[in-house]
Amino acid sequence: MGLTQARWMALLELSRADGLTQRELATTLGVEGPTLVRLLDGLEGQGLIERQPCPDDRRVKRVRVTTTAVPILNEIRKITDATRSELLAGVVAEDLSTALRVLTLIAERLEQTE
């Protein structure tokens, strides 16, 4: 599709929560501001996102996907759904729940050490 993993992950996050601020998106993706700016510049250059000023604070930009991104997002979802099904085939829901709980706990502890 001509997208890096970082770009398609950003698009997917933006499609889930339209109108995120750049700071919120950086936090969600776990990247620093300058890294996100380069990423968004590329997506904007492809016509897949647009930055809009926040009405409450002109210093803040909200990021939204464009209609051009919709077919690409549909393809990304097909690929991720197929990959998820393949990876989780045969995994019992209870085991998956336990794994998610343990990984969440580890992630929380890592954040506390920063």
PDB file of N, CA and C in Angstrom:
ATOM      1  N   MET A   1       0.820  -1.203   0.000  1.00  0.00           N
ATOM      2  CA  MET A   1       0.000   0.000   0.000  1.00  0.00           C
ATOM      3  C   MET A   1       0.857   1.257   0.000  1.00  0.00           C
ATOM      4  N   GLY A   2       2.159   1.103   0.062  1.00  0.00           N
ATOM      5  CA  GLY A   2       3.034   2.254   0.029  1.00  0.00           C
ATOM      6  C   GLY A   2       3.109   3.013   1.341  1.00  0.00           C
ATOM      7  N   LEU A   3       2.786   2.332   2.441  1.00  0.00           N
ATOM      8  CA  LEU A   3       2.830   2.964   3.762  1.00  0.00           C
ATOM      9  C   LEU A   3       3.790   2.203   4.664  1.00  0.00           C
ATOM     10  N   THR A   4       4.522   2.940   5.475  1.00  0.00           N
ATOM     11  CA  THR A   4       5.339   2.290   6.496  1.00  0.00           C
ATOM     12  C   THR A   4       4.415   1.838   7.627  1.00  0.00           C
ATOM     13  N   GLN A   5       4.936   0.986   8.494  1.00  0.00           N
ATOM     14  CA  GLN A   5       4.147   0.539   9.636  1.00  0.00           C
ATOM     15  C   GLN A   5       3.733   1.740  10.488  1.00  0.00           C
ATOM     16  N   ALA A   6       4.645   2.666  10.689  1.00  0.00           N
ATOM     17  CA  ALA A   6       4.336   3.847  11.504  1.00  0.00           C
ATOM     18  C   ALA A   6       3.187   4.650  10.895  1.00  0.00           C
ATOM     19  N   ARG A   7       3.191   4.780   9.576  1.00  0.00           N
ATOM     20  CA  ARG A   7       2.126   5.558   8.927  1.00  0.00           C
ATOM     21  C   ARG A   7       0.777   4.870   9.012  1.00  0.00           C
ATOM     22  N   TRP A   8       0.752   3.551   8.767  1.00  0.00           N
ATOM     23  CA  TRP A   8      -0.563   2.905   8.819  1.00  0.00           C
ATOM     24  C   TRP A   8      -1.077   2.814  10.237  1.00  0.00           C
ATOM     25  N   MET A   9      -0.166   2.708  11.219  1.00  0.00           N
ATOM     26  CA  MET A   9      -0.622   2.689  12.613  1.00  0.00           C
ATOM     27  C   MET A   9      -1.215   4.048  12.994  1.00  0.00           C
ATOM     28  N   ALA A  10      -0.580   5.116  12.542  1.00  0.00           N
ATOM     29  CA  ALA A  10      -1.111   6.456  12.814  1.00  0.00           C
ATOM     30  C   ALA A  10      -2.473   6.632  12.162  1.00  0.00           C
ATOM     31  N   LEU A  11      -2.606   6.207  10.923  1.00  0.00           N
ATOM     32  CA  LEU A  11      -3.904   6.307  10.234  1.00  0.00           C
ATOM     33  C   LEU A  11      -4.976   5.530  10.977  1.00  0.00           C
ATOM     34  N   LEU A  12      -4.646   4.331  11.400  1.00  0.00           N
ATOM     35  CA  LEU A  12      -5.613   3.493  12.106  1.00  0.00           C
ATOM     36  C   LEU A  12      -6.052   4.156  13.407  1.00  0.00           C
ATOM     37  N   GLU A  13      -5.113   4.696  14.163  1.00  0.00           N
ATOM     38  CA  GLU A  13      -5.462   5.387  15.418  1.00  0.00           C
ATOM     39  C   GLU A  13      -6.332   6.604  15.152  1.00  0.00           C
ATOM     40  N   LEU A  14      -5.994   7.357  14.125  1.00  0.00           N
ATOM     41  CA  LEU A  14      -6.796   8.545  13.798  1.00  0.00           C
ATOM     42  C   LEU A  14      -8.198   8.165  13.355  1.00  0.00           C
ATOM     43  N   SER A  15      -8.347   7.035  12.701  1.00  0.00           N
ATOM     44  CA  SER A  15      -9.683   6.614  12.253  1.00  0.00           C
ATOM     45  C   SER A  15     -10.546   6.178  13.428  1.00  0.00           C
ATOM     46  N   ARG A  16      -9.908   5.733  14.503  1.00  0.00           N
ATOM     47  CA  ARG A  16     -10.646   5.294  15.694  1.00  0.00           C
ATOM     48  C   ARG A  16     -11.108   6.465  16.543  1.00  0.00           C
ATOM     49  N   ALA A  17     -10.335   7.537  16.542  1.00  0.00           N
ATOM     50  CA  ALA A  17     -10.655   8.700  17.377  1.00  0.00           C
ATOM     51  C   ALA A  17     -10.396   9.956  16.553  1.00  0.00           C
ATOM     52  N   ASP A  18     -11.316  10.274  15.699  1.00  0.00           N
ATOM     53  CA  ASP A  18     -11.164  11.402  14.786  1.00  0.00           C
ATOM     54  C   ASP A  18     -10.947  12.700  15.548  1.00  0.00           C
ATOM     55  N   GLY A  19      -9.999  13.480  15.089  1.00  0.00           N
ATOM     56  CA  GLY A  19      -9.776  14.790  15.676  1.00  0.00           C
ATOM     57  C   GLY A  19      -8.843  14.795  16.868  1.00  0.00           C
ATOM     58  N   LEU A  20      -7.946  13.811  16.951  1.00  0.00           N
ATOM     59  CA  LEU A  20      -6.960  13.819  18.021  1.00  0.00           C
ATOM     60  C   LEU A  20      -6.013  15.000  17.826  1.00  0.00           C
ATOM     61  N   THR A  21      -5.508  15.516  18.929  1.00  0.00           N
ATOM     62  CA  THR A  21      -4.466  16.524  18.810  1.00  0.00           C
ATOM     63  C   THR A  21      -3.161  15.796  18.486  1.00  0.00           C
ATOM     64  N   GLN A  22      -2.207  16.546  17.983  1.00  0.00           N
ATOM     65  CA  GLN A  22      -0.918  15.939  17.674  1.00  0.00           C
ATOM     66  C   GLN A  22      -0.290  15.351  18.936  1.00  0.00           C
ATOM     67  N   ARG A  23      -0.432  16.024  20.046  1.00  0.00           N
ATOM     68  CA  ARG A  23       0.133  15.529  21.312  1.00  0.00           C
ATOM     69  C   ARG A  23      -0.542  14.222  21.724  1.00  0.00           C
ATOM     70  N   GLU A  24      -1.875  14.159  21.616  1.00  0.00           N
ATOM     71  CA  GLU A  24      -2.597  12.931  21.977  1.00  0.00           C
ATOM     72  C   GLU A  24      -2.159  11.773  21.087  1.00  0.00           C
ATOM     73  N   LEU A  25      -2.005  12.054  19.798  1.00  0.00           N
ATOM     74  CA  LEU A  25      -1.585  11.005  18.870  1.00  0.00           C
ATOM     75  C   LEU A  25      -0.169  10.539  19.191  1.00  0.00           C
ATOM     76  N   ALA A  26       0.730  11.457  19.496  1.00  0.00           N
ATOM     77  CA  ALA A  26       2.107  11.091  19.848  1.00  0.00           C
ATOM     78  C   ALA A  26       2.118  10.179  21.070  1.00  0.00           C
ATOM     79  N   THR A  27       1.314  10.517  22.074  1.00  0.00           N
ATOM     80  CA  THR A  27       1.226   9.698  23.283  1.00  0.00           C
ATOM     81  C   THR A  27       0.683   8.310  22.961  1.00  0.00           C
ATOM     82  N   THR A  28      -0.376   8.260  22.173  1.00  0.00           N
ATOM     83  CA  THR A  28      -0.984   6.974  21.803  1.00  0.00           C
ATOM     84  C   THR A  28      -0.001   6.087  21.049  1.00  0.00           C
ATOM     85  N   LEU A  29       0.763   6.688  20.139  1.00  0.00           N
ATOM     86  CA  LEU A  29       1.703   5.916  19.330  1.00  0.00           C
ATOM     87  C   LEU A  29       3.027   5.662  20.049  1.00  0.00           C
ATOM     88  N   GLY A  30       3.259   6.400  21.149  1.00  0.00           N
ATOM     89  CA  GLY A  30       4.500   6.228  21.883  1.00  0.00           C
ATOM     90  C   GLY A  30       5.709   6.818  21.176  1.00  0.00           C
ATOM     91  N   VAL A  31       5.510   7.959  20.514  1.00  0.00           N
ATOM     92  CA  VAL A  31       6.612   8.619  19.816  1.00  0.00           C
ATOM     93  C   VAL A  31       6.763  10.050  20.313  1.00  0.00           C
ATOM     94  N   GLU A  32       7.921  10.610  20.057  1.00  0.00           N
ATOM     95  CA  GLU A  32       8.195  11.992  20.427  1.00  0.00           C
ATOM     96  C   GLU A  32       7.608  12.939  19.389  1.00  0.00           C
ATOM     97  N   GLY A  33       7.421  14.195  19.792  1.00  0.00           N
ATOM     98  CA  GLY A  33       6.834  15.207  18.917  1.00  0.00           C
ATOM     99  C   GLY A  33       7.491  15.342  17.559  1.00  0.00           C
ATOM    100  N   PRO A  34       8.833  15.498  17.495  1.00  0.00           N
ATOM    101  CA  PRO A  34       9.476  15.661  16.188  1.00  0.00           C
ATOM    102  C   PRO A  34       9.281  14.458  15.264  1.00  0.00           C
ATOM    103  N   THR A  35       9.279  13.266  15.838  1.00  0.00           N
ATOM    104  CA  THR A  35       9.042  12.059  15.045  1.00  0.00           C
ATOM    105  C   THR A  35       7.639  12.084  14.460  1.00  0.00           C
ATOM    106  N   LEU A  36       6.669  12.480  15.290  1.00  0.00           N
ATOM    107  CA  LEU A  36       5.286  12.540  14.824  1.00  0.00           C
ATOM    108  C   LEU A  36       5.120  13.583  13.726  1.00  0.00           C
ATOM    109  N   VAL A  37       5.774  14.722  13.871  1.00  0.00           N
ATOM    110  CA  VAL A  37       5.646  15.777  12.866  1.00  0.00           C
ATOM    111  C   VAL A  37       6.097  15.264  11.500  1.00  0.00           C
ATOM    112  N   ARG A  38       7.230  14.561  11.444  1.00  0.00           N
ATOM    113  CA  ARG A  38       7.705  14.001  10.174  1.00  0.00           C
ATOM    114  C   ARG A  38       6.711  12.981   9.620  1.00  0.00           C
ATOM    115  N   LEU A  39       6.171  12.164  10.503  1.00  0.00           N
ATOM    116  CA  LEU A  39       5.190  11.160  10.108  1.00  0.00           C
ATOM    117  C   LEU A  39       3.946  11.826   9.520  1.00  0.00           C
ATOM    118  N   LEU A  40       3.442  12.836  10.209  1.00  0.00           N
ATOM    119  CA  LEU A  40       2.248  13.543   9.740  1.00  0.00           C
ATOM    120  C   LEU A  40       2.513  14.321   8.461  1.00  0.00           C
ATOM    121  N   ASP A  41       3.712  14.870   8.325  1.00  0.00           N
ATOM    122  CA  ASP A  41       4.063  15.565   7.089  1.00  0.00           C
ATOM    123  C   ASP A  41       3.942  14.621   5.898  1.00  0.00           C
ATOM    124  N   GLY A  42       4.420  13.396   6.076  1.00  0.00           N
ATOM    125  CA  GLY A  42       4.333  12.400   5.003  1.00  0.00           C
ATOM    126  C   GLY A  42       2.897  12.028   4.680  1.00  0.00           C
ATOM    127  N   LEU A  43       2.086  11.796   5.714  1.00  0.00           N
ATOM    128  CA  LEU A  43       0.676  11.449   5.499  1.00  0.00           C
ATOM    129  C   LEU A  43      -0.088  12.607   4.859  1.00  0.00           C
ATOM    130  N   GLU A  44       0.235  13.810   5.277  1.00  0.00           N
ATOM    131  CA  GLU A  44      -0.417  14.985   4.705  1.00  0.00           C
ATOM    132  C   GLU A  44      -0.013  15.151   3.242  1.00  0.00           C
ATOM    133  N   GLY A  45       1.249  14.888   2.947  1.00  0.00           N
ATOM    134  CA  GLY A  45       1.728  14.956   1.570  1.00  0.00           C
ATOM    135  C   GLY A  45       1.046  13.951   0.664  1.00  0.00           C
ATOM    136  N   GLN A  46       0.639  12.825   1.223  1.00  0.00           N
ATOM    137  CA  GLN A  46      -0.088  11.804   0.466  1.00  0.00           C
ATOM    138  C   GLN A  46      -1.589  12.113   0.396  1.00  0.00           C
ATOM    139  N   GLY A  47      -2.017  13.165   1.077  1.00  0.00           N
ATOM    140  CA  GLY A  47      -3.426  13.536   1.078  1.00  0.00           C
ATOM    141  C   GLY A  47      -4.288  12.670   1.977  1.00  0.00           C
ATOM    142  N   LEU A  48      -3.663  11.964   2.933  1.00  0.00           N
ATOM    143  CA  LEU A  48      -4.400  11.027   3.777  1.00  0.00           C
ATOM    144  C   LEU A  48      -4.888  11.636   5.081  1.00  0.00           C
ATOM    145  N   ILE A  49      -4.269  12.726   5.498  1.00  0.00           N
ATOM    146  CA  ILE A  49      -4.701  13.416   6.717  1.00  0.00           C
ATOM    147  C   ILE A  49      -4.701  14.914   6.465  1.00  0.00           C
ATOM    148  N   GLU A  50      -5.366  15.616   7.379  1.00  0.00           N
ATOM    149  CA  GLU A  50      -5.296  17.073   7.366  1.00  0.00           C
ATOM    150  C   GLU A  50      -5.189  17.553   8.800  1.00  0.00           C
ATOM    151  N   ARG A  51      -4.437  18.623   8.970  1.00  0.00           N
ATOM    152  CA  ARG A  51      -4.307  19.249  10.287  1.00  0.00           C
ATOM    153  C   ARG A  51      -5.209  20.466  10.303  1.00  0.00           C
ATOM    154  N   GLN A  52      -5.949  20.593  11.385  1.00  0.00           N
ATOM    155  CA  GLN A  52      -6.864  21.727  11.515  1.00  0.00           C
ATOM    156  C   GLN A  52      -6.615  22.416  12.846  1.00  0.00           C
ATOM    157  N   PRO A  53      -6.697  23.749  12.843  1.00  0.00           N
ATOM    158  CA  PRO A  53      -6.517  24.450  14.120  1.00  0.00           C
ATOM    159  C   PRO A  53      -7.643  24.114  15.086  1.00  0.00           C
ATOM    160  N   CYS A  54      -7.300  24.036  16.349  1.00  0.00           N
ATOM    161  CA  CYS A  54      -8.284  23.789  17.394  1.00  0.00           C
ATOM    162  C   CYS A  54      -8.999  25.106  17.693  1.00  0.00           C
ATOM    163  N   PRO A  55     -10.322  25.117  17.728  1.00  0.00           N
ATOM    164  CA  PRO A  55     -11.030  26.366  17.973  1.00  0.00           C
ATOM    165  C   PRO A  55     -10.744  26.974  19.348  1.00  0.00           C
ATOM    166  N   ASP A  56     -10.402  26.139  20.318  1.00  0.00           N
ATOM    167  CA  ASP A  56     -10.149  26.618  21.677  1.00  0.00           C
ATOM    168  C   ASP A  56      -8.724  27.134  21.882  1.00  0.00           C
ATOM    169  N   ASP A  57      -7.791  26.652  21.055  1.00  0.00           N
ATOM    170  CA  ASP A  57      -6.391  27.017  21.226  1.00  0.00           C
ATOM    171  C   ASP A  57      -5.703  26.938  19.868  1.00  0.00           C
ATOM    172  N   ARG A  58      -5.401  28.086  19.290  1.00  0.00           N
ATOM    173  CA  ARG A  58      -4.833  28.121  17.947  1.00  0.00           C
ATOM    174  C   ARG A  58      -3.455  27.476  17.860  1.00  0.00           C
ATOM    175  N   ARG A  59      -2.789  27.286  18.993  1.00  0.00           N
ATOM    176  CA  ARG A  59      -1.477  26.632  18.988  1.00  0.00           C
ATOM    177  C   ARG A  59      -1.606  25.126  18.775  1.00  0.00           C
ATOM    178  N   VAL A  60      -2.784  24.588  19.049  1.00  0.00           N
ATOM    179  CA  VAL A  60      -3.032  23.146  18.980  1.00  0.00           C
ATOM    180  C   VAL A  60      -3.612  22.796  17.620  1.00  0.00           C
ATOM    181  N   LYS A  61      -3.114  21.688  17.049  1.00  0.00           N
ATOM    182  CA  LYS A  61      -3.650  21.192  15.779  1.00  0.00           C
ATOM    183  C   LYS A  61      -4.355  19.862  16.022  1.00  0.00           C
ATOM    184  N   ARG A  62      -5.531  19.747  15.451  1.00  0.00           N
ATOM    185  CA  ARG A  62      -6.253  18.475  15.470  1.00  0.00           C
ATOM    186  C   ARG A  62      -5.992  17.788  14.130  1.00  0.00           C
ATOM    187  N   VAL A  63      -5.844  16.487  14.170  1.00  0.00           N
ATOM    188  CA  VAL A  63      -5.512  15.724  12.972  1.00  0.00           C
ATOM    189  C   VAL A  63      -6.694  14.835  12.618  1.00  0.00           C
ATOM    190  N   ARG A  64      -7.079  14.891  11.351  1.00  0.00           N
ATOM    191  CA  ARG A  64      -8.213  14.089  10.880  1.00  0.00           C
ATOM    192  C   ARG A  64      -7.824  13.357   9.593  1.00  0.00           C
ATOM    193  N   VAL A  65      -8.389  12.175   9.417  1.00  0.00           N
ATOM    194  CA  VAL A  65      -8.179  11.458   8.156  1.00  0.00           C
ATOM    195  C   VAL A  65      -9.064  12.095   7.089  1.00  0.00           C
ATOM    196  N   THR A  66      -8.627  11.997   5.857  1.00  0.00           N
ATOM    197  CA  THR A  66      -9.398  12.531   4.740  1.00  0.00           C
ATOM    198  C   THR A  66     -10.170  11.395   4.071  1.00  0.00           C
ATOM    199  N   THR A  67     -11.063  11.753   3.190  1.00  0.00           N
ATOM    200  CA  THR A  67     -11.820  10.729   2.460  1.00  0.00           C
ATOM    201  C   THR A  67     -10.894   9.895   1.574  1.00  0.00           C
ATOM    202  N   THR A  68      -9.777  10.460   1.182  1.00  0.00           N
ATOM    203  CA  THR A  68      -8.792   9.711   0.386  1.00  0.00           C
ATOM    204  C   THR A  68      -8.261   8.512   1.161  1.00  0.00           C
ATOM    205  N   ALA A  69      -8.225   8.613   2.478  1.00  0.00           N
ATOM    206  CA  ALA A  69      -7.679   7.547   3.318  1.00  0.00           C
ATOM    207  C   ALA A  69      -8.648   6.384   3.528  1.00  0.00           C
ATOM    208  N   VAL A  70      -9.924   6.582   3.268  1.00  0.00           N
ATOM    209  CA  VAL A  70     -10.936   5.555   3.585  1.00  0.00           C
ATOM    210  C   VAL A  70     -10.651   4.220   2.900  1.00  0.00           C
ATOM    211  N   PRO A  71     -10.392   4.165   1.583  1.00  0.00           N
ATOM    212  CA  PRO A  71     -10.108   2.860   0.971  1.00  0.00           C
ATOM    213  C   PRO A  71      -8.837   2.208   1.530  1.00  0.00           C
ATOM    214  N   ILE A  72      -7.860   3.015   1.851  1.00  0.00           N
ATOM    215  CA  ILE A  72      -6.621   2.491   2.424  1.00  0.00           C
ATOM    216  C   ILE A  72      -6.885   1.932   3.816  1.00  0.00           C
ATOM    217  N   LEU A  73      -7.674   2.650   4.606  1.00  0.00           N
ATOM    218  CA  LEU A  73      -8.033   2.156   5.941  1.00  0.00           C
ATOM    219  C   LEU A  73      -8.815   0.851   5.861  1.00  0.00           C
ATOM    220  N   ASN A  74      -9.703   0.737   4.889  1.00  0.00           N
ATOM    221  CA  ASN A  74     -10.453  -0.514   4.717  1.00  0.00           C
ATOM    222  C   ASN A  74      -9.508  -1.674   4.428  1.00  0.00           C
ATOM    223  N   GLU A  75      -8.502  -1.434   3.600  1.00  0.00           N
ATOM    224  CA  GLU A  75      -7.523  -2.474   3.287  1.00  0.00           C
ATOM    225  C   GLU A  75      -6.670  -2.812   4.503  1.00  0.00           C
ATOM    226  N   ILE A  76      -6.266  -1.796   5.256  1.00  0.00           N
ATOM    227  CA  ILE A  76      -5.490  -2.021   6.482  1.00  0.00           C
ATOM    228  C   ILE A  76      -6.288  -2.890   7.446  1.00  0.00           C
ATOM    229  N   ARG A  77      -7.567  -2.588   7.593  1.00  0.00           N
ATOM    230  CA  ARG A  77      -8.417  -3.376   8.513  1.00  0.00           C
ATOM    231  C   ARG A  77      -8.546  -4.821   8.050  1.00  0.00           C
ATOM    232  N   LYS A  78      -8.676  -5.039   6.750  1.00  0.00           N
ATOM    233  CA  LYS A  78      -8.748  -6.418   6.239  1.00  0.00           C
ATOM    234  C   LYS A  78      -7.474  -7.180   6.573  1.00  0.00           C
ATOM    235  N   ILE A  79      -6.343  -6.532   6.361  1.00  0.00           N
ATOM    236  CA  ILE A  79      -5.055  -7.188   6.618  1.00  0.00           C
ATOM    237  C   ILE A  79      -4.876  -7.452   8.107  1.00  0.00           C
ATOM    238  N   THR A  80      -5.177  -6.468   8.937  1.00  0.00           N
ATOM    239  CA  THR A  80      -4.998  -6.661  10.383  1.00  0.00           C
ATOM    240  C   THR A  80      -5.966  -7.701  10.932  1.00  0.00           C
ATOM    241  N   ASP A  81      -7.198  -7.715  10.430  1.00  0.00           N
ATOM    242  CA  ASP A  81      -8.160  -8.724  10.882  1.00  0.00           C
ATOM    243  C   ASP A  81      -7.695 -10.129  10.514  1.00  0.00           C
ATOM    244  N   ALA A  82      -7.196 -10.303   9.287  1.00  0.00           N
ATOM    245  CA  ALA A  82      -6.720 -11.613   8.845  1.00  0.00           C
ATOM    246  C   ALA A  82      -5.493 -12.038   9.657  1.00  0.00           C
ATOM    247  N   THR A  83      -4.602 -11.105   9.905  1.00  0.00           N
ATOM    248  CA  THR A  83      -3.399 -11.413  10.686  1.00  0.00           C
ATOM    249  C   THR A  83      -3.767 -11.795  12.110  1.00  0.00           C
ATOM    250  N   ARG A  84      -4.679 -11.032  12.707  1.00  0.00           N
ATOM    251  CA  ARG A  84      -5.125 -11.329  14.075  1.00  0.00           C
ATOM    252  C   ARG A  84      -5.751 -12.716  14.138  1.00  0.00           C
ATOM    253  N   SER A  85      -6.597 -13.042  13.186  1.00  0.00           N
ATOM    254  CA  SER A  85      -7.247 -14.365  13.167  1.00  0.00           C
ATOM    255  C   SER A  85      -6.215 -15.483  13.051  1.00  0.00           C
ATOM    256  N   GLU A  86      -5.238 -15.268  12.194  1.00  0.00           N
ATOM    257  CA  GLU A  86      -4.202 -16.277  11.999  1.00  0.00           C
ATOM    258  C   GLU A  86      -3.361 -16.457  13.266  1.00  0.00           C
ATOM    259  N   LEU A  87      -2.970 -15.350  13.880  1.00  0.00           N
ATOM    260  CA  LEU A  87      -2.116 -15.419  15.065  1.00  0.00           C
ATOM    261  C   LEU A  87      -2.831 -15.987  16.281  1.00  0.00           C
ATOM    262  N   LEU A  88      -4.118 -15.710  16.401  1.00  0.00           N
ATOM    263  CA  LEU A  88      -4.858 -16.131  17.588  1.00  0.00           C
ATOM    264  C   LEU A  88      -5.644 -17.427  17.398  1.00  0.00           C
ATOM    265  N   ALA A  89      -5.495 -18.058  16.244  1.00  0.00           N
ATOM    266  CA  ALA A  89      -6.196 -19.317  15.992  1.00  0.00           C
ATOM    267  C   ALA A  89      -5.803 -20.337  17.062  1.00  0.00           C
ATOM    268  N   GLY A  90      -6.791 -20.890  17.710  1.00  0.00           N
ATOM    269  CA  GLY A  90      -6.547 -21.913  18.720  1.00  0.00           C
ATOM    270  C   GLY A  90      -6.238 -21.375  20.110  1.00  0.00           C
ATOM    271  N   VAL A  91      -6.127 -20.069  20.255  1.00  0.00           N
ATOM    272  CA  VAL A  91      -5.868 -19.487  21.577  1.00  0.00           C
ATOM    273  C   VAL A  91      -7.205 -19.333  22.298  1.00  0.00           C
ATOM    274  N   VAL A  92      -7.300 -19.906  23.453  1.00  0.00           N
ATOM    275  CA  VAL A  92      -8.518 -19.858  24.248  1.00  0.00           C
ATOM    276  C   VAL A  92      -8.717 -18.437  24.770  1.00  0.00           C
ATOM    277  N   ALA A  93      -9.951 -17.968  24.776  1.00  0.00           N
ATOM    278  CA  ALA A  93     -10.257 -16.603  25.212  1.00  0.00           C
ATOM    279  C   ALA A  93      -9.730 -16.315  26.616  1.00  0.00           C
ATOM    280  N   GLU A  94      -9.827 -17.293  27.500  1.00  0.00           N
ATOM    281  CA  GLU A  94      -9.344 -17.115  28.873  1.00  0.00           C
ATOM    282  C   GLU A  94      -7.826 -16.895  28.900  1.00  0.00           C
ATOM    283  N   ASP A  95      -7.100 -17.642  28.059  1.00  0.00           N
ATOM    284  CA  ASP A  95      -5.637 -17.474  27.979  1.00  0.00           C
ATOM    285  C   ASP A  95      -5.286 -16.095  27.426  1.00  0.00           C
ATOM    286  N   LEU A  96      -6.014 -15.655  26.437  1.00  0.00           N
ATOM    287  CA  LEU A  96      -5.776 -14.340  25.855  1.00  0.00           C
ATOM    288  C   LEU A  96      -6.042 -13.246  26.880  1.00  0.00           C
ATOM    289  N   SER A  97      -7.100 -13.395  27.635  1.00  0.00           N
ATOM    290  CA  SER A  97      -7.435 -12.434  28.676  1.00  0.00           C
ATOM    291  C   SER A  97      -6.322 -12.357  29.722  1.00  0.00           C
ATOM    292  N   THR A  98      -5.808 -13.505  30.129  1.00  0.00           N
ATOM    293  CA  THR A  98      -4.715 -13.549  31.105  1.00  0.00           C
ATOM    294  C   THR A  98      -3.467 -12.870  30.540  1.00  0.00           C
ATOM    295  N   ALA A  99      -3.139 -13.166  29.293  1.00  0.00           N
ATOM    296  CA  ALA A  99      -1.959 -12.564  28.663  1.00  0.00           C
ATOM    297  C   ALA A  99      -2.095 -11.049  28.592  1.00  0.00           C
ATOM    298  N   LEU A 100      -3.255 -10.557  28.214  1.00  0.00           N
ATOM    299  CA  LEU A 100      -3.473  -9.112  28.141  1.00  0.00           C
ATOM    300  C   LEU A 100      -3.357  -8.454  29.510  1.00  0.00           C
ATOM    301  N   ARG A 101      -3.891  -9.112  30.516  1.00  0.00           N
ATOM    302  CA  ARG A 101      -3.818  -8.575  31.875  1.00  0.00           C
ATOM    303  C   ARG A 101      -2.362  -8.483  32.335  1.00  0.00           C
ATOM    304  N   VAL A 102      -1.567  -9.509  32.080  1.00  0.00           N
ATOM    305  CA  VAL A 102      -0.161  -9.525  32.488  1.00  0.00           C
ATOM    306  C   VAL A 102       0.628  -8.467  31.707  1.00  0.00           C
ATOM    307  N   LEU A 103       0.419  -8.366  30.417  1.00  0.00           N
ATOM    308  CA  LEU A 103       1.139  -7.370  29.614  1.00  0.00           C
ATOM    309  C   LEU A 103       0.765  -5.950  30.009  1.00  0.00           C
ATOM    310  N   THR A 104      -0.487  -5.733  30.349  1.00  0.00           N
ATOM    311  CA  THR A 104      -0.919  -4.409  30.813  1.00  0.00           C
ATOM    312  C   THR A 104      -0.223  -4.054  32.119  1.00  0.00           C
ATOM    313  N   LEU A 105      -0.129  -4.995  33.021  1.00  0.00           N
ATOM    314  CA  LEU A 105       0.564  -4.780  34.288  1.00  0.00           C
ATOM    315  C   LEU A 105       2.036  -4.447  34.063  1.00  0.00           C
ATOM    316  N   ILE A 106       2.678  -5.166  33.169  1.00  0.00           N
ATOM    317  CA  ILE A 106       4.081  -4.905  32.863  1.00  0.00           C
ATOM    318  C   ILE A 106       4.234  -3.506  32.261  1.00  0.00           C
ATOM    319  N   ALA A 107       3.377  -3.145  31.346  1.00  0.00           N
ATOM    320  CA  ALA A 107       3.439  -1.820  30.717  1.00  0.00           C
ATOM    321  C   ALA A 107       3.251  -0.712  31.747  1.00  0.00           C
ATOM    322  N   GLU A 108       2.320  -0.896  32.665  1.00  0.00           N
ATOM    323  CA  GLU A 108       2.090   0.102  33.715  1.00  0.00           C
ATOM    324  C   GLU A 108       3.329   0.258  34.590  1.00  0.00           C
ATOM    325  N   ARG A 109       3.973  -0.841  34.920  1.00  0.00           N
ATOM    326  CA  ARG A 109       5.177  -0.785  35.742  1.00  0.00           C
ATOM    327  C   ARG A 109       6.322  -0.099  34.994  1.00  0.00           C
ATOM    328  N   LEU A 110       6.423  -0.356  33.705  1.00  0.00           N
ATOM    329  CA  LEU A 110       7.456   0.310  32.905  1.00  0.00           C
ATOM    330  C   LEU A 110       7.237   1.820  32.870  1.00  0.00           C
ATOM    331  N   GLU A 111       6.005   2.233  32.764  1.00  0.00           N
ATOM    332  CA  GLU A 111       5.707   3.666  32.741  1.00  0.00           C
ATOM    333  C   GLU A 111       6.038   4.320  34.074  1.00  0.00           C
ATOM    334  N   GLN A 112       5.878   3.600  35.160  1.00  0.00           N
ATOM    335  CA  GLN A 112       6.167   4.144  36.490  1.00  0.00           C
ATOM    336  C   GLN A 112       7.661   4.345  36.693  1.00  0.00           C
ATOM    337  N   THR A 113       8.490   3.593  35.988  1.00  0.00           N
ATOM    338  CA  THR A 113       9.934   3.691  36.174  1.00  0.00           C
ATOM    339  C   THR A 113      10.549   4.841  35.371  1.00  0.00           C
ATOM    340  N   GLU A 114       9.796   5.448  34.502  1.00  0.00           N
ATOM    341  CA  GLU A 114      10.342   6.540  33.674  1.00  0.00           C
ATOM    342  C   GLU A 114      10.500   7.809  34.427  1.00  0.00           C
TER     343      GLU A 114
END
